[in-house]
């Protein structure tokens, strides 16, 4: 990887006990580890947006036809699929205009939208910190941006394994 990824962070909500700086740091660590794991040769950027239940419900309804709040949504910019997940070689078939941010020249991975209320509720439900839950959702979403999904058992197991590895390598384990 050609350097740290650029995280464009926007906060439209609040997570008790977690500062914007904490969320930006966690996002950077998780995205950097995921890109390193899959040998990304590009300088990259990703947008991370924190929002409330009503806005993520609207986004979920508009984009997925599911009229309920969810914990995280992923909006990939790249043509990764379960067949070519994390294979950056496929991007050689695309022009820079299709995959690069024209302002920064960085590979634009996509957008991650996280629901603040779901972070807090799930951290409590699973018995770990809000920081760990936030990091997990960024990890889950960056893998979606790289083409992973969890619709089939084999794909789910592969995605869960990648999540565990990334979270362990960055220190965001269940007890933190």
Protein backbone atom coordinates (compact mmCIF):
# COMPACT_ATOMS: atom_id res chain seq x y z
CA UNK A 1 0.00 0.00 0.00
CA UNK A 2 1.28 3.41 -0.94
CA UNK A 3 0.56 5.08 2.39
CA UNK A 4 -2.14 5.47 4.98
CA UNK A 5 -5.66 5.56 3.60
CA UNK A 6 -7.51 8.85 3.82
CA UNK A 7 -10.59 8.66 6.04
CA UNK A 8 -13.16 11.36 5.41
CA UNK A 9 -15.21 11.34 8.59
CA UNK A 10 -18.53 13.08 9.10
CA UNK A 11 -20.46 12.90 12.35
CA UNK A 12 -24.18 13.63 12.36
CA UNK A 13 -24.85 11.88 15.66
CA UNK A 14 -23.15 10.93 18.94
CA UNK A 15 -21.79 7.82 20.61
CA UNK A 16 -21.50 8.15 24.39
CA UNK A 17 -17.90 7.65 25.48
CA UNK A 18 -16.40 7.82 21.98
CA UNK A 19 -14.89 10.98 20.53
CA UNK A 20 -14.60 11.84 16.84
CA UNK A 21 -10.84 11.40 17.23
CA UNK A 22 -11.35 7.87 18.62
CA UNK A 23 -13.63 6.98 15.71
CA UNK A 24 -11.25 8.42 13.12
CA UNK A 25 -8.32 6.53 14.65
CA UNK A 26 -10.25 3.26 14.76
CA UNK A 27 -11.44 3.74 11.17
CA UNK A 28 -7.91 4.42 9.96
CA UNK A 29 -6.44 1.41 11.75
CA UNK A 30 -9.14 -0.98 10.51
CA UNK A 31 -9.12 0.23 6.90
CA UNK A 32 -5.31 0.25 6.80
CA UNK A 33 -5.15 -3.33 8.12
CA UNK A 34 -7.78 -4.57 5.66
CA UNK A 35 -5.98 -2.97 2.71
CA UNK A 36 -2.66 -4.36 3.87
CA UNK A 37 -4.14 -7.83 4.29
CA UNK A 38 -5.31 -7.81 0.66
CA UNK A 39 -2.16 -6.16 -0.74
CA UNK A 40 -3.73 -2.95 -1.97
CA UNK A 41 -1.10 -1.13 -4.07
CA UNK A 42 -3.03 2.17 -4.24
CA UNK A 43 -3.38 5.22 -2.06
CA UNK A 44 -7.03 5.02 -1.01
CA UNK A 45 -9.83 6.98 0.55
CA UNK A 46 -13.05 5.97 2.26
CA UNK A 47 -15.92 8.02 3.62
CA UNK A 48 -17.21 7.18 7.10
CA UNK A 49 -20.48 8.77 8.13
CA UNK A 50 -22.05 8.47 11.59
CA UNK A 51 -25.79 9.03 11.71
CA UNK A 52 -28.97 8.42 13.70
CA UNK A 53 -31.60 5.70 13.42
CA UNK A 54 -34.06 7.72 11.35
CA UNK A 55 -31.54 8.66 8.67
CA UNK A 56 -30.08 5.15 8.36
CA UNK A 57 -33.63 3.74 8.22
CA UNK A 58 -34.38 6.07 5.29
CA UNK A 59 -31.13 5.09 3.55
CA UNK A 60 -31.84 1.40 4.13
CA UNK A 61 -35.35 1.80 2.73
CA UNK A 62 -34.20 3.75 -0.34
CA UNK A 63 -31.22 1.55 -1.16
CA UNK A 64 -32.21 -1.92 -0.01
CA UNK A 65 -36.01 -1.77 0.22
CA UNK A 66 -35.85 -2.59 3.95
CA UNK A 67 -37.81 -0.06 6.02
CA UNK A 68 -35.95 -0.42 9.31
CA UNK A 69 -32.86 0.97 10.98
CA UNK A 70 -29.71 -1.10 10.58
CA UNK A 71 -26.30 -0.89 12.22
CA UNK A 72 -24.18 -0.25 9.12
CA UNK A 73 -24.56 0.29 5.39
CA UNK A 74 -21.83 -0.07 2.79
CA UNK A 75 -21.79 1.72 -0.54
CA UNK A 76 -18.93 0.35 -2.65
CA UNK A 77 -17.39 2.35 -5.45
CA UNK A 78 -15.37 -0.52 -6.92
CA UNK A 79 -16.44 -3.59 -8.94
CA UNK A 80 -15.45 -6.22 -6.37
CA UNK A 81 -17.66 -9.31 -6.07
CA UNK A 82 -17.49 -12.51 -4.04
CA UNK A 83 -15.56 -14.02 -6.96
CA UNK A 84 -12.84 -11.33 -6.98
CA UNK A 85 -13.00 -9.95 -3.44
CA UNK A 86 -9.95 -7.97 -2.43
CA UNK A 87 -8.24 -8.62 -5.80
CA UNK A 88 -6.90 -5.21 -6.73
CA UNK A 89 -5.52 -6.58 -10.03
CA UNK A 90 -9.03 -6.36 -11.52
CA UNK A 91 -8.81 -2.57 -11.35
CA UNK A 92 -6.26 -2.46 -14.18
CA UNK A 93 -9.21 -2.90 -16.57
CA UNK A 94 -10.74 0.40 -15.43
CA UNK A 95 -9.81 3.99 -16.21
CA UNK A 96 -8.69 6.29 -13.43
CA UNK A 97 -11.83 8.37 -14.06
CA UNK A 98 -13.94 5.36 -13.02
CA UNK A 99 -12.15 4.46 -9.78
CA UNK A 100 -10.08 7.43 -8.59
CA UNK A 101 -11.18 10.52 -6.71
CA UNK A 102 -10.53 13.32 -9.24
CA UNK A 103 -9.62 15.79 -6.49
CA UNK A 104 -7.10 13.65 -4.60
CA UNK A 105 -6.03 11.02 -7.15
CA UNK A 106 -6.72 8.32 -4.56
CA UNK A 107 -8.63 5.11 -5.12
CA UNK A 108 -12.15 5.80 -3.87
CA UNK A 109 -13.25 2.65 -1.99
CA UNK A 110 -16.76 3.83 -1.11
CA UNK A 111 -18.89 4.94 1.81
CA UNK A 112 -19.51 3.45 5.25
CA UNK A 113 -22.61 4.65 7.13
CA UNK A 114 -22.87 3.70 10.81
CA UNK A 115 -25.83 4.17 13.15
CA UNK A 116 -24.67 5.62 16.49
CA UNK A 117 -27.63 4.25 18.47
CA UNK A 118 -26.98 0.73 17.13
CA UNK A 119 -23.29 0.97 18.13
CA UNK A 120 -24.27 1.75 21.73
CA UNK A 121 -27.05 -0.85 21.91
CA UNK A 122 -24.98 -3.64 20.36
CA UNK A 123 -21.95 -2.89 22.55
CA UNK A 124 -24.19 -3.32 25.58
CA UNK A 125 -25.89 -6.42 24.14
CA UNK A 126 -22.58 -8.14 23.31
CA UNK A 127 -20.79 -6.97 26.46
CA UNK A 128 -17.92 -5.02 24.98
CA UNK A 129 -16.94 -1.37 24.57
CA UNK A 130 -18.53 1.06 22.13
CA UNK A 131 -15.04 1.52 20.64
CA UNK A 132 -14.84 -2.19 19.85
CA UNK A 133 -18.35 -2.23 18.38
CA UNK A 134 -17.59 0.81 16.22
CA UNK A 135 -14.35 -0.84 15.02
CA UNK A 136 -16.24 -4.06 14.26
CA UNK A 137 -18.79 -2.22 12.11
CA UNK A 138 -16.06 -0.38 10.19
CA UNK A 139 -14.32 -3.73 9.67
CA UNK A 140 -17.52 -5.42 8.53
CA UNK A 141 -18.25 -2.58 6.13
CA UNK A 142 -14.75 -2.26 4.63
CA UNK A 143 -14.92 -5.96 3.82
CA UNK A 144 -18.22 -5.33 2.02
CA UNK A 145 -16.48 -2.54 0.08
CA UNK A 146 -13.86 -5.12 -0.94
CA UNK A 147 -16.50 -7.56 -2.24
CA UNK A 148 -17.15 -9.79 0.77
CA UNK A 149 -20.66 -10.80 1.71
CA UNK A 150 -22.37 -13.21 4.09
CA UNK A 151 -25.29 -14.54 2.06
CA UNK A 152 -23.91 -18.08 1.65
CA UNK A 153 -22.40 -20.07 4.55
CA UNK A 154 -18.96 -20.37 2.94
CA UNK A 155 -18.86 -16.62 2.19
CA UNK A 156 -20.06 -15.81 5.72
CA UNK A 157 -17.35 -18.00 7.27
CA UNK A 158 -14.67 -16.39 5.09
CA UNK A 159 -15.88 -12.90 5.98
CA UNK A 160 -16.04 -13.70 9.69
CA UNK A 161 -12.51 -15.10 9.57
CA UNK A 162 -11.24 -11.93 7.87
CA UNK A 163 -13.06 -9.79 10.45
CA UNK A 164 -11.48 -11.70 13.34
CA UNK A 165 -8.01 -11.38 11.84
CA UNK A 166 -8.31 -7.64 11.18
CA UNK A 167 -9.77 -6.94 14.63
CA UNK A 168 -7.13 -9.06 16.38
CA UNK A 169 -4.31 -7.43 14.39
CA UNK A 170 -5.53 -3.97 15.38
CA UNK A 171 -6.23 -4.81 19.02
CA UNK A 172 -10.02 -4.44 18.86
CA UNK A 173 -10.86 -7.70 20.58
CA UNK A 174 -14.17 -8.49 22.27
CA UNK A 175 -12.87 -7.56 25.71
CA UNK A 176 -11.94 -4.01 24.67
